[in-house]
């Protein structure tokens, strides 16, 4: 490991039932619908997320942004690059996507790489959910972290129980789960030891077991409803998390 850290690369490829232009919009102006709000200045040399620079801007086929140097990136990371390639399939009705995340970690490489790899799978799954069920719609995005008590080894299991999520519920199951403001009728669209994804008629709810990587449990809401209120969702889920973990 050099003074700039040890390099990493995470690559995923997938196809999705969306035209290249729809995928491009999701990656550039619709990120609040599946990740969190990000902004790109639409030109090579323009501003990219995390204080970075756009190094490739070829709509709707290639998008790359790079960030270097401490202070702009999360602790333990010295370089970050997102490189996304989109190619048409089936006469442009579908798309093939190659997502490459490269960079360097300066400390605790194994844990940071494991976290980044697993988060990538969850985020890209959420991207496909967005493109399939909410294409082109802008979301009211809210994200909250639990208190220090949510870093314990069993914290994410406690969240599942508080949602009244059956232990044997598999992906695709239709559920009625407890949530701030009352029960939700939802589809369980993703479930692993570290993540839970719920999809309702108007929203995507994402639950992050970051306690497995040394952090607090988190919740993100991508609300596409006609009266969506990001601040209301943030406060409601913050109260819910802090009540759960005391």
Foldseek 3Di string as FASTA:
>chain_A
DDPQADKDKAKDKDKAQAFLQLLQCCVAPAVLQQHNDWHWDQDAQTAGALRWTWHDHDPSFKTKIKDAAPPSDPAQFGIWMWIKGWDADPVRRMIMMMIMIMGGGHPPVVLVVVVVNVVVVRRVLSSRVCCVQPGPFHFLKAKDFFDPLQLDPCNVVLVCVQQVPDPPDDAQDFDWTAFQPGTATWGFHDDDPAKTWTDHNFKIKIWGSCSVSRGTIMIMIGGRDPPDDRVVRRVRVHVVRHVSSD
